[in-house]
Amino acid sequence: MKKIILLFSLFLIAFGLYTGELNVVLNKAANICMECIGIG
């Protein structure tokens, strides 16, 4: 069961990288950090 979950999670990570979701996630993370420290 652990191997199936690991393979599925690796597939989803690869799919996200392929579709360009990494930039979306990093932009959202940067915006949240800027709001927390009061710059944005």
N, C-alpha and C. Protein backbone atom coordinates (compact mmCIF):
# COMPACT_ATOMS: atom_id res chain seq x y z
N MET A 1 0.82 -1.20 0.00
CA MET A 1 0.00 0.00 0.00
C MET A 1 0.87 1.26 0.00
N LYS A 2 1.97 1.24 0.76
CA LYS A 2 2.84 2.41 0.81
C LYS A 2 3.48 2.69 -0.55
N LYS A 3 3.80 1.63 -1.28
CA LYS A 3 4.40 1.81 -2.59
C LYS A 3 3.42 2.44 -3.58
N ILE A 4 2.16 2.07 -3.47
CA ILE A 4 1.14 2.63 -4.35
C ILE A 4 0.97 4.12 -4.07
N ILE A 5 0.93 4.48 -2.80
CA ILE A 5 0.79 5.89 -2.43
C ILE A 5 2.01 6.68 -2.89
N LEU A 6 3.19 6.12 -2.72
CA LEU A 6 4.42 6.79 -3.15
C LEU A 6 4.43 7.00 -4.66
N LEU A 7 4.08 5.97 -5.42
CA LEU A 7 4.05 6.10 -6.87
C LEU A 7 3.01 7.11 -7.33
N PHE A 8 1.85 7.10 -6.68
CA PHE A 8 0.80 8.05 -7.04
C PHE A 8 1.22 9.48 -6.73
N SER A 9 1.87 9.69 -5.59
CA SER A 9 2.32 11.04 -5.25
C SER A 9 3.42 11.51 -6.19
N LEU A 10 4.32 10.63 -6.59
CA LEU A 10 5.35 11.01 -7.56
C LEU A 10 4.74 11.34 -8.91
N PHE A 11 3.72 10.59 -9.29
CA PHE A 11 3.02 10.89 -10.53
C PHE A 11 2.37 12.27 -10.48
N LEU A 12 1.72 12.59 -9.37
CA LEU A 12 1.07 13.90 -9.25
C LEU A 12 2.08 15.04 -9.23
N ILE A 13 3.22 14.83 -8.58
CA ILE A 13 4.27 15.85 -8.59
C ILE A 13 4.79 16.07 -10.00
N ALA A 14 5.04 14.99 -10.71
CA ALA A 14 5.53 15.11 -12.09
C ALA A 14 4.49 15.79 -12.97
N PHE A 15 3.23 15.46 -12.77
CA PHE A 15 2.15 16.08 -13.56
C PHE A 15 2.07 17.58 -13.28
N GLY A 16 2.21 17.96 -12.03
CA GLY A 16 2.19 19.37 -11.66
C GLY A 16 3.36 20.13 -12.26
N LEU A 17 4.53 19.52 -12.26
CA LEU A 17 5.69 20.17 -12.87
C LEU A 17 5.51 20.31 -14.37
N TYR A 18 4.92 19.29 -14.99
CA TYR A 18 4.71 19.30 -16.43
C TYR A 18 3.72 20.39 -16.85
N THR A 19 2.69 20.62 -16.03
CA THR A 19 1.66 21.59 -16.39
C THR A 19 2.00 23.00 -15.92
N GLY A 20 3.13 23.19 -15.25
CA GLY A 20 3.55 24.53 -14.85
C GLY A 20 2.94 25.03 -13.57
N GLU A 21 2.46 24.15 -12.74
CA GLU A 21 1.83 24.56 -11.48
C GLU A 21 2.86 25.03 -10.45
N LEU A 22 4.12 24.71 -10.66
CA LEU A 22 5.15 25.12 -9.70
C LEU A 22 5.20 26.63 -9.57
N ASN A 23 5.10 27.35 -10.67
CA ASN A 23 5.14 28.81 -10.62
C ASN A 23 3.94 29.37 -9.86
N VAL A 24 2.78 28.77 -10.04
CA VAL A 24 1.58 29.22 -9.34
C VAL A 24 1.75 29.06 -7.83
N VAL A 25 2.25 27.90 -7.43
CA VAL A 25 2.44 27.62 -6.01
C VAL A 25 3.47 28.56 -5.40
N LEU A 26 4.58 28.78 -6.09
CA LEU A 26 5.62 29.66 -5.56
C LEU A 26 5.13 31.10 -5.48
N ASN A 27 4.35 31.56 -6.45
CA ASN A 27 3.81 32.92 -6.39
C ASN A 27 2.85 33.08 -5.21
N LYS A 28 2.01 32.10 -4.99
CA LYS A 28 1.09 32.17 -3.85
C LYS A 28 1.85 32.16 -2.54
N ALA A 29 2.88 31.34 -2.44
CA ALA A 29 3.67 31.28 -1.21
C ALA A 29 4.38 32.60 -0.95
N ALA A 30 4.93 33.21 -1.99
CA ALA A 30 5.61 34.49 -1.83
C ALA A 30 4.62 35.57 -1.41
N ASN A 31 3.43 35.58 -1.99
CA ASN A 31 2.42 36.57 -1.61
C ASN A 31 2.00 36.42 -0.15
N ILE A 32 1.83 35.19 0.30
CA ILE A 32 1.45 34.96 1.69
C ILE A 32 2.56 35.43 2.62
N CYS A 33 3.81 35.15 2.28
CA CYS A 33 4.93 35.58 3.12
C CYS A 33 5.01 37.10 3.18
N MET A 34 4.81 37.77 2.05
CA MET A 34 4.86 39.22 2.04
C MET A 34 3.73 39.82 2.88
N GLU A 35 2.56 39.20 2.87
CA GLU A 35 1.45 39.68 3.68
C GLU A 35 1.72 39.47 5.16
N CYS A 36 2.36 38.37 5.50
CA CYS A 36 2.64 38.09 6.91
C CYS A 36 3.62 39.09 7.52
N ILE A 37 4.64 39.49 6.77
CA ILE A 37 5.62 40.41 7.32
C ILE A 37 5.25 41.87 7.05
N GLY A 38 4.13 42.08 6.39
CA GLY A 38 3.60 43.42 6.25
C GLY A 38 4.13 44.23 5.08
N ILE A 39 4.77 43.62 4.12
CA ILE A 39 5.29 44.36 2.97
C ILE A 39 4.23 44.45 1.89
N GLY A 40 3.53 43.36 1.63
CA GLY A 40 2.56 43.32 0.53
C GLY A 40 1.26 43.80 0.98
